[in-house]
Amino acid sequence: MLPVTLPWFRNAEIECITELEAPLTESGPFYTDVQPGDLVYYKPLDSITLIYEETSSVPTLTKMGEITSSDLDAFKDLPDNLDMHIGAR
């Protein structure tokens, strides 16, 4: 699926979310220790979330990756709706 450009929206000033057209195949393990910079798949809503602020977690997340080369503060200044490109290294 990668690389891909998807429409994202900001949620609660802590994360950016994109909803997928079809569910991803995943079998866990589920992840409950969410950290700023994490990119997670939320199975109940078939969405990908990029966490950029401290937050609590739910037990239905699968960690997909993390942002390692960016200042997370940049996400605070993004518009509420935007297209964002995700790629793999």
PDB file of N, CA and C in Angstrom:
ATOM      1  N   MET A   1       0.814  -1.183   0.000  1.00  0.00           N
ATOM      2  CA  MET A   1       0.000   0.000   0.000  1.00  0.00           C
ATOM      3  C   MET A   1       0.869   1.263   0.000  1.00  0.00           C
ATOM      4  N   LEU A   2       2.102   1.166   0.487  1.00  0.00           N
ATOM      5  CA  LEU A   2       2.973   2.339   0.561  1.00  0.00           C
ATOM      6  C   LEU A   2       3.848   2.441  -0.678  1.00  0.00           C
ATOM      7  N   PRO A   3       4.221   3.598  -1.102  1.00  0.00           N
ATOM      8  CA  PRO A   3       3.845   4.903  -0.568  1.00  0.00           C
ATOM      9  C   PRO A   3       2.426   5.278  -0.988  1.00  0.00           C
ATOM     10  N   VAL A   4       1.807   6.168  -0.181  1.00  0.00           N
ATOM     11  CA  VAL A   4       0.431   6.569  -0.448  1.00  0.00           C
ATOM     12  C   VAL A   4       0.196   7.981   0.104  1.00  0.00           C
ATOM     13  N   THR A   5      -0.657   8.729  -0.571  1.00  0.00           N
ATOM     14  CA  THR A   5      -1.096  10.034  -0.086  1.00  0.00           C
ATOM     15  C   THR A   5      -2.565   9.917   0.279  1.00  0.00           C
ATOM     16  N   LEU A   6      -2.909  10.314   1.516  1.00  0.00           N
ATOM     17  CA  LEU A   6      -4.269  10.160   2.036  1.00  0.00           C
ATOM     18  C   LEU A   6      -4.764  11.467   2.650  1.00  0.00           C
ATOM     19  N   PRO A   7      -6.097  11.666   2.672  1.00  0.00           N
ATOM     20  CA  PRO A   7      -6.651  12.842   3.362  1.00  0.00           C
ATOM     21  C   PRO A   7      -6.672  12.603   4.876  1.00  0.00           C
ATOM     22  N   TRP A   8      -6.180  13.547   5.640  1.00  0.00           N
ATOM     23  CA  TRP A   8      -6.090  13.449   7.095  1.00  0.00           C
ATOM     24  C   TRP A   8      -6.870  14.589   7.734  1.00  0.00           C
ATOM     25  N   PHE A   9      -7.323  14.363   8.969  1.00  0.00           N
ATOM     26  CA  PHE A   9      -7.908  15.450   9.747  1.00  0.00           C
ATOM     27  C   PHE A   9      -7.339  15.399  11.162  1.00  0.00           C
ATOM     28  N   ARG A  10      -7.200  16.577  11.750  1.00  0.00           N
ATOM     29  CA  ARG A  10      -6.685  16.666  13.118  1.00  0.00           C
ATOM     30  C   ARG A  10      -7.810  16.389  14.100  1.00  0.00           C
ATOM     31  N   ASN A  11      -7.455  15.706  15.181  1.00  0.00           N
ATOM     32  CA  ASN A  11      -8.434  15.331  16.194  1.00  0.00           C
ATOM     33  C   ASN A  11      -7.905  15.711  17.579  1.00  0.00           C
ATOM     34  N   ALA A  12      -8.661  16.538  18.280  1.00  0.00           N
ATOM     35  CA  ALA A  12      -8.402  16.865  19.687  1.00  0.00           C
ATOM     36  C   ALA A  12      -7.006  17.425  19.945  1.00  0.00           C
ATOM     37  N   GLU A  13      -6.377  18.011  18.939  1.00  0.00           N
ATOM     38  CA  GLU A  13      -5.048  18.620  19.094  1.00  0.00           C
ATOM     39  C   GLU A  13      -3.984  17.637  19.571  1.00  0.00           C
ATOM     40  N   ILE A  14      -4.201  16.329  19.348  1.00  0.00           N
ATOM     41  CA  ILE A  14      -3.210  15.336  19.771  1.00  0.00           C
ATOM     42  C   ILE A  14      -2.817  14.362  18.663  1.00  0.00           C
ATOM     43  N   GLU A  15      -3.618  14.326  17.569  1.00  0.00           N
ATOM     44  CA  GLU A  15      -3.381  13.309  16.547  1.00  0.00           C
ATOM     45  C   GLU A  15      -3.962  13.739  15.204  1.00  0.00           C
ATOM     46  N   CYS A  16      -3.444  13.116  14.150  1.00  0.00           N
ATOM     47  CA  CYS A  16      -4.007  13.242  12.806  1.00  0.00           C
ATOM     48  C   CYS A  16      -4.519  11.864  12.426  1.00  0.00           C
ATOM     49  N   ILE A  17      -5.711  11.828  11.821  1.00  0.00           N
ATOM     50  CA  ILE A  17      -6.374  10.556  11.506  1.00  0.00           C
ATOM     51  C   ILE A  17      -6.752  10.525  10.029  1.00  0.00           C
ATOM     52  N   THR A  18      -6.595   9.358   9.416  1.00  0.00           N
ATOM     53  CA  THR A  18      -7.119   9.119   8.077  1.00  0.00           C
ATOM     54  C   THR A  18      -7.941   7.834   8.119  1.00  0.00           C
ATOM     55  N   GLU A  19      -9.060   7.851   7.427  1.00  0.00           N
ATOM     56  CA  GLU A  19      -9.918   6.671   7.357  1.00  0.00           C
ATOM     57  C   GLU A  19      -9.642   5.949   6.046  1.00  0.00           C
ATOM     58  N   LEU A  20      -9.494   4.650   6.119  1.00  0.00           N
ATOM     59  CA  LEU A  20      -9.163   3.837   4.951  1.00  0.00           C
ATOM     60  C   LEU A  20     -10.429   3.345   4.259  1.00  0.00           C
ATOM     61  N   GLU A  21     -10.322   3.131   2.966  1.00  0.00           N
ATOM     62  CA  GLU A  21     -11.468   2.629   2.197  1.00  0.00           C
ATOM     63  C   GLU A  21     -11.760   1.165   2.496  1.00  0.00           C
ATOM     64  N   ALA A  22     -10.724   0.426   2.868  1.00  0.00           N
ATOM     65  CA  ALA A  22     -10.880  -1.001   3.170  1.00  0.00           C
ATOM     66  C   ALA A  22      -9.990  -1.335   4.363  1.00  0.00           C
ATOM     67  N   PRO A  23     -10.373  -2.309   5.171  1.00  0.00           N
ATOM     68  CA  PRO A  23      -9.561  -2.662   6.329  1.00  0.00           C
ATOM     69  C   PRO A  23      -8.218  -3.257   5.930  1.00  0.00           C
ATOM     70  N   LEU A  24      -7.230  -3.057   6.785  1.00  0.00           N
ATOM     71  CA  LEU A  24      -5.933  -3.702   6.614  1.00  0.00           C
ATOM     72  C   LEU A  24      -6.000  -5.082   7.247  1.00  0.00           C
ATOM     73  N   THR A  25      -5.179  -5.982   6.768  1.00  0.00           N
ATOM     74  CA  THR A  25      -5.074  -7.294   7.383  1.00  0.00           C
ATOM     75  C   THR A  25      -4.107  -7.174   8.551  1.00  0.00           C
ATOM     76  N   GLU A  26      -4.557  -7.511   9.722  1.00  0.00           N
ATOM     77  CA  GLU A  26      -3.686  -7.476  10.895  1.00  0.00           C
ATOM     78  C   GLU A  26      -4.148  -8.526  11.885  1.00  0.00           C
ATOM     79  N   SER A  27      -3.182  -9.025  12.649  1.00  0.00           N
ATOM     80  CA  SER A  27      -3.515 -10.040  13.637  1.00  0.00           C
ATOM     81  C   SER A  27      -2.900  -9.714  14.993  1.00  0.00           C
ATOM     82  N   GLY A  28      -2.579  -8.460  15.208  1.00  0.00           N
ATOM     83  CA  GLY A  28      -1.978  -8.048  16.471  1.00  0.00           C
ATOM     84  C   GLY A  28      -0.467  -8.221  16.409  1.00  0.00           C
ATOM     85  N   PRO A  29       0.228  -8.125  17.507  1.00  0.00           N
ATOM     86  CA  PRO A  29      -0.325  -7.894  18.825  1.00  0.00           C
ATOM     87  C   PRO A  29      -0.822  -6.459  18.955  1.00  0.00           C
ATOM     88  N   PHE A  30      -1.809  -6.287  19.814  1.00  0.00           N
ATOM     89  CA  PHE A  30      -2.328  -4.950  20.037  1.00  0.00           C
ATOM     90  C   PHE A  30      -1.377  -4.184  20.946  1.00  0.00           C
ATOM     91  N   TYR A  31      -1.412  -2.890  20.809  1.00  0.00           N
ATOM     92  CA  TYR A  31      -0.424  -1.993  21.391  1.00  0.00           C
ATOM     93  C   TYR A  31      -1.136  -1.009  22.307  1.00  0.00           C
ATOM     94  N   THR A  32      -0.681  -0.883  23.540  1.00  0.00           N
ATOM     95  CA  THR A  32      -1.358   0.012  24.482  1.00  0.00           C
ATOM     96  C   THR A  32      -0.441   1.089  25.060  1.00  0.00           C
ATOM     97  N   ASP A  33       0.808   1.153  24.633  1.00  0.00           N
ATOM     98  CA  ASP A  33       1.743   2.148  25.151  1.00  0.00           C
ATOM     99  C   ASP A  33       2.023   3.202  24.082  1.00  0.00           C
ATOM    100  N   VAL A  34       1.017   3.986  23.747  1.00  0.00           N
ATOM    101  CA  VAL A  34       1.123   4.983  22.681  1.00  0.00           C
ATOM    102  C   VAL A  34       2.056   6.119  23.109  1.00  0.00           C
ATOM    103  N   GLN A  35       2.964   6.490  22.202  1.00  0.00           N
ATOM    104  CA  GLN A  35       3.909   7.574  22.434  1.00  0.00           C
ATOM    105  C   GLN A  35       3.804   8.586  21.299  1.00  0.00           C
ATOM    106  N   PRO A  36       4.101   9.862  21.564  1.00  0.00           N
ATOM    107  CA  PRO A  36       4.146  10.841  20.470  1.00  0.00           C
ATOM    108  C   PRO A  36       5.111  10.365  19.381  1.00  0.00           C
ATOM    109  N   GLY A  37       4.670  10.472  18.137  1.00  0.00           N
ATOM    110  CA  GLY A  37       5.452  10.012  16.994  1.00  0.00           C
ATOM    111  C   GLY A  37       5.016   8.665  16.470  1.00  0.00           C
ATOM    112  N   ASP A  38       4.161   7.961  17.214  1.00  0.00           N
ATOM    113  CA  ASP A  38       3.702   6.641  16.775  1.00  0.00           C
ATOM    114  C   ASP A  38       2.670   6.762  15.654  1.00  0.00           C
ATOM    115  N   LEU A  39       2.743   5.836  14.730  1.00  0.00           N
ATOM    116  CA  LEU A  39       1.762   5.680  13.656  1.00  0.00           C
ATOM    117  C   LEU A  39       1.063   4.357  13.937  1.00  0.00           C
ATOM    118  N   VAL A  40      -0.256   4.398  14.200  1.00  0.00           N
ATOM    119  CA  VAL A  40      -0.984   3.201  14.621  1.00  0.00           C
ATOM    120  C   VAL A  40      -2.212   2.971  13.748  1.00  0.00           C
ATOM    121  N   TYR A  41      -2.581   1.712  13.633  1.00  0.00           N
ATOM    122  CA  TYR A  41      -3.806   1.313  12.938  1.00  0.00           C
ATOM    123  C   TYR A  41      -4.868   1.038  13.993  1.00  0.00           C
ATOM    124  N   TYR A  42      -6.035   1.646  13.823  1.00  0.00           N
ATOM    125  CA  TYR A  42      -7.168   1.463  14.732  1.00  0.00           C
ATOM    126  C   TYR A  42      -8.211   0.635  14.006  1.00  0.00           C
ATOM    127  N   LYS A  43      -8.236  -0.658  14.312  1.00  0.00           N
ATOM    128  CA  LYS A  43      -9.070  -1.602  13.581  1.00  0.00           C
ATOM    129  C   LYS A  43     -10.578  -1.311  13.628  1.00  0.00           C
ATOM    130  N   PRO A  44     -11.160  -0.931  14.779  1.00  0.00           N
ATOM    131  CA  PRO A  44     -12.617  -0.745  14.785  1.00  0.00           C
ATOM    132  C   PRO A  44     -13.122   0.279  13.760  1.00  0.00           C
ATOM    133  N   LEU A  45     -12.314   1.283  13.429  1.00  0.00           N
ATOM    134  CA  LEU A  45     -12.746   2.295  12.459  1.00  0.00           C
ATOM    135  C   LEU A  45     -11.955   2.248  11.160  1.00  0.00           C
ATOM    136  N   ASP A  46     -11.102   1.227  10.999  1.00  0.00           N
ATOM    137  CA  ASP A  46     -10.255   1.125   9.804  1.00  0.00           C
ATOM    138  C   ASP A  46      -9.586   2.462   9.521  1.00  0.00           C
ATOM    139  N   SER A  47      -8.851   2.940  10.513  1.00  0.00           N
ATOM    140  CA  SER A  47      -8.179   4.227  10.366  1.00  0.00           C
ATOM    141  C   SER A  47      -6.729   4.123  10.812  1.00  0.00           C
ATOM    142  N   ILE A  48      -5.926   5.053  10.300  1.00  0.00           N
ATOM    143  CA  ILE A  48      -4.536   5.184  10.710  1.00  0.00           C
ATOM    144  C   ILE A  48      -4.428   6.501  11.460  1.00  0.00           C
ATOM    145  N   THR A  49      -3.738   6.471  12.584  1.00  0.00           N
ATOM    146  CA  THR A  49      -3.586   7.650  13.422  1.00  0.00           C
ATOM    147  C   THR A  49      -2.113   7.937  13.648  1.00  0.00           C
ATOM    148  N   LEU A  50      -1.750   9.191  13.477  1.00  0.00           N
ATOM    149  CA  LEU A  50      -0.417   9.654  13.788  1.00  0.00           C
ATOM    150  C   LEU A  50      -0.512  10.470  15.077  1.00  0.00           C
ATOM    151  N   ILE A  51       0.091   9.975  16.132  1.00  0.00           N
ATOM    152  CA  ILE A  51       0.026  10.612  17.451  1.00  0.00           C
ATOM    153  C   ILE A  51       1.154  11.639  17.546  1.00  0.00           C
ATOM    154  N   TYR A  52       0.830  12.897  17.879  1.00  0.00           N
ATOM    155  CA  TYR A  52       1.904  13.886  18.033  1.00  0.00           C
ATOM    156  C   TYR A  52       1.926  14.547  19.407  1.00  0.00           C
ATOM    157  N   GLU A  53       1.035  14.171  20.300  1.00  0.00           N
ATOM    158  CA  GLU A  53       1.026  14.660  21.681  1.00  0.00           C
ATOM    159  C   GLU A  53       0.773  13.472  22.614  1.00  0.00           C
ATOM    160  N   GLU A  54       1.175  13.610  23.869  1.00  0.00           N
ATOM    161  CA  GLU A  54       0.889  12.576  24.868  1.00  0.00           C
ATOM    162  C   GLU A  54      -0.615  12.325  24.927  1.00  0.00           C
ATOM    163  N   THR A  55      -1.011  11.058  25.037  1.00  0.00           N
ATOM    164  CA  THR A  55      -2.423  10.698  25.124  1.00  0.00           C
ATOM    165  C   THR A  55      -2.554   9.315  25.749  1.00  0.00           C
ATOM    166  N   SER A  56      -3.754   8.963  26.100  1.00  0.00           N
ATOM    167  CA  SER A  56      -4.015   7.614  26.588  1.00  0.00           C
ATOM    168  C   SER A  56      -4.225   6.703  25.389  1.00  0.00           C
ATOM    169  N   SER A  57      -4.347   5.427  25.636  1.00  0.00           N
ATOM    170  CA  SER A  57      -4.468   4.463  24.551  1.00  0.00           C
ATOM    171  C   SER A  57      -5.696   3.590  24.733  1.00  0.00           C
ATOM    172  N   VAL A  58      -6.057   2.899  23.677  1.00  0.00           N
ATOM    173  CA  VAL A  58      -7.097   1.886  23.719  1.00  0.00           C
ATOM    174  C   VAL A  58      -6.464   0.558  23.314  1.00  0.00           C
ATOM    175  N   PRO A  59      -7.005  -0.580  23.730  1.00  0.00           N
ATOM    176  CA  PRO A  59      -6.358  -1.868  23.475  1.00  0.00           C
ATOM    177  C   PRO A  59      -6.638  -2.453  22.086  1.00  0.00           C
ATOM    178  N   THR A  60      -6.939  -1.605  21.100  1.00  0.00           N
ATOM    179  CA  THR A  60      -7.228  -2.113  19.751  1.00  0.00           C
ATOM    180  C   THR A  60      -6.353  -1.430  18.711  1.00  0.00           C
ATOM    181  N   LEU A  61      -5.129  -1.056  19.094  1.00  0.00           N
ATOM    182  CA  LEU A  61      -4.203  -0.393  18.178  1.00  0.00           C
ATOM    183  C   LEU A  61      -3.100  -1.360  17.768  1.00  0.00           C
ATOM    184  N   THR A  62      -2.675  -1.248  16.524  1.00  0.00           N
ATOM    185  CA  THR A  62      -1.522  -1.987  16.038  1.00  0.00           C
ATOM    186  C   THR A  62      -0.490  -0.961  15.597  1.00  0.00           C
ATOM    187  N   LYS A  63       0.694  -1.003  16.182  1.00  0.00           N
ATOM    188  CA  LYS A  63       1.738  -0.046  15.819  1.00  0.00           C
ATOM    189  C   LYS A  63       2.256  -0.386  14.426  1.00  0.00           C
ATOM    190  N   MET A  64       2.267   0.638  13.557  1.00  0.00           N
ATOM    191  CA  MET A  64       2.720   0.458  12.178  1.00  0.00           C
ATOM    192  C   MET A  64       4.111   1.050  11.973  1.00  0.00           C
ATOM    193  N   GLY A  65       4.468   2.034  12.783  1.00  0.00           N
ATOM    194  CA  GLY A  65       5.758   2.686  12.632  1.00  0.00           C
ATOM    195  C   GLY A  65       5.820   3.906  13.510  1.00  0.00           C
ATOM    196  N   GLU A  66       6.846   4.722  13.267  1.00  0.00           N
ATOM    197  CA  GLU A  66       7.005   5.932  14.056  1.00  0.00           C
ATOM    198  C   GLU A  66       7.761   6.979  13.257  1.00  0.00           C
ATOM    199  N   ILE A  67       7.544   8.213  13.622  1.00  0.00           N
ATOM    200  CA  ILE A  67       8.263   9.319  13.022  1.00  0.00           C
ATOM    201  C   ILE A  67       9.576   9.449  13.773  1.00  0.00           C
ATOM    202  N   THR A  68      10.673   9.400  13.048  1.00  0.00           N
ATOM    203  CA  THR A  68      11.975   9.428  13.707  1.00  0.00           C
ATOM    204  C   THR A  68      12.828  10.624  13.294  1.00  0.00           C
ATOM    205  N   SER A  69      12.451  11.319  12.234  1.00  0.00           N
ATOM    206  CA  SER A  69      13.325  12.388  11.746  1.00  0.00           C
ATOM    207  C   SER A  69      12.601  13.720  11.618  1.00  0.00           C
ATOM    208  N   SER A  70      11.616  13.954  12.453  1.00  0.00           N
ATOM    209  CA  SER A  70      10.838  15.177  12.334  1.00  0.00           C
ATOM    210  C   SER A  70      10.560  15.762  13.717  1.00  0.00           C
ATOM    211  N   ASP A  71      10.415  17.061  13.770  1.00  0.00           N
ATOM    212  CA  ASP A  71      10.004  17.739  14.989  1.00  0.00           C
ATOM    213  C   ASP A  71       8.486  17.636  15.080  1.00  0.00           C
ATOM    214  N   LEU A  72       7.971  16.925  16.062  1.00  0.00           N
ATOM    215  CA  LEU A  72       6.532  16.712  16.184  1.00  0.00           C
ATOM    216  C   LEU A  72       5.765  18.001  16.406  1.00  0.00           C
ATOM    217  N   ASP A  73       6.426  19.053  16.886  1.00  0.00           N
ATOM    218  CA  ASP A  73       5.748  20.340  17.067  1.00  0.00           C
ATOM    219  C   ASP A  73       5.221  20.890  15.746  1.00  0.00           C
ATOM    220  N   ALA A  74       5.789  20.480  14.623  1.00  0.00           N
ATOM    221  CA  ALA A  74       5.329  20.940  13.311  1.00  0.00           C
ATOM    222  C   ALA A  74       3.883  20.526  13.058  1.00  0.00           C
ATOM    223  N   PHE A  75       3.431  19.431  13.659  1.00  0.00           N
ATOM    224  CA  PHE A  75       2.058  18.969  13.455  1.00  0.00           C
ATOM    225  C   PHE A  75       1.037  19.902  14.092  1.00  0.00           C
ATOM    226  N   LYS A  76       1.451  20.645  15.110  1.00  0.00           N
ATOM    227  CA  LYS A  76       0.539  21.566  15.784  1.00  0.00           C
ATOM    228  C   LYS A  76       0.106  22.715  14.879  1.00  0.00           C
ATOM    229  N   ASP A  77       0.933  23.052  13.900  1.00  0.00           N
ATOM    230  CA  ASP A  77       0.653  24.181  13.013  1.00  0.00           C
ATOM    231  C   ASP A  77      -0.010  23.778  11.696  1.00  0.00           C
ATOM    232  N   LEU A  78      -0.265  22.503  11.508  1.00  0.00           N
ATOM    233  CA  LEU A  78      -0.896  22.045  10.267  1.00  0.00           C
ATOM    234  C   LEU A  78      -2.371  22.433  10.251  1.00  0.00           C
ATOM    235  N   PRO A  79      -2.956  22.577   9.052  1.00  0.00           N
ATOM    236  CA  PRO A  79      -4.399  22.831   8.981  1.00  0.00           C
ATOM    237  C   PRO A  79      -5.184  21.634   9.525  1.00  0.00           C
ATOM    238  N   ASP A  80      -6.460  21.858   9.811  1.00  0.00           N
ATOM    239  CA  ASP A  80      -7.292  20.778  10.355  1.00  0.00           C
ATOM    240  C   ASP A  80      -7.533  19.653   9.354  1.00  0.00           C
ATOM    241  N   ASN A  81      -7.505  19.954   8.064  1.00  0.00           N
ATOM    242  CA  ASN A  81      -7.672  18.947   7.011  1.00  0.00           C
ATOM    243  C   ASN A  81      -6.536  19.115   6.014  1.00  0.00           C
ATOM    244  N   LEU A  82      -5.877  18.015   5.664  1.00  0.00           N
ATOM    245  CA  LEU A  82      -4.758  18.088   4.739  1.00  0.00           C
ATOM    246  C   LEU A  82      -4.528  16.724   4.095  1.00  0.00           C
ATOM    247  N   ASP A  83      -3.790  16.726   2.997  1.00  0.00           N
ATOM    248  CA  ASP A  83      -3.331  15.488   2.380  1.00  0.00           C
ATOM    249  C   ASP A  83      -1.904  15.260   2.858  1.00  0.00           C
ATOM    250  N   MET A  84      -1.619  14.017   3.306  1.00  0.00           N
ATOM    251  CA  MET A  84      -0.300  13.705   3.827  1.00  0.00           C
ATOM    252  C   MET A  84       0.195  12.429   3.138  1.00  0.00           C
ATOM    253  N   HIS A  85       1.474  12.424   2.800  1.00  0.00           N
ATOM    254  CA  HIS A  85       2.105  11.309   2.117  1.00  0.00           C
ATOM    255  C   HIS A  85       2.826  10.438   3.148  1.00  0.00           C
ATOM    256  N   ILE A  86       2.631   9.125   3.061  1.00  0.00           N
ATOM    257  CA  ILE A  86       3.328   8.172   3.930  1.00  0.00           C
ATOM    258  C   ILE A  86       4.143   7.245   3.044  1.00  0.00           C
ATOM    259  N   GLY A  87       5.401   7.064   3.412  1.00  0.00           N
ATOM    260  CA  GLY A  87       6.274   6.164   2.684  1.00  0.00           C
ATOM    261  C   GLY A  87       7.041   5.284   3.660  1.00  0.00           C
ATOM    262  N   ALA A  88       7.752   4.318   3.149  1.00  0.00           N
ATOM    263  CA  ALA A  88       8.547   3.420   3.977  1.00  0.00           C
ATOM    264  C   ALA A  88      10.022   3.660   3.687  1.00  0.00           C
ATOM    265  N   ARG A  89      10.846   3.451   4.673  1.00  0.00           N
ATOM    266  CA  ARG A  89      12.315   3.573   4.504  1.00  0.00           C
ATOM    267  C   ARG A  89      12.931   2.220   4.487  1.00  0.00           C
TER     268      ARG A  89
END
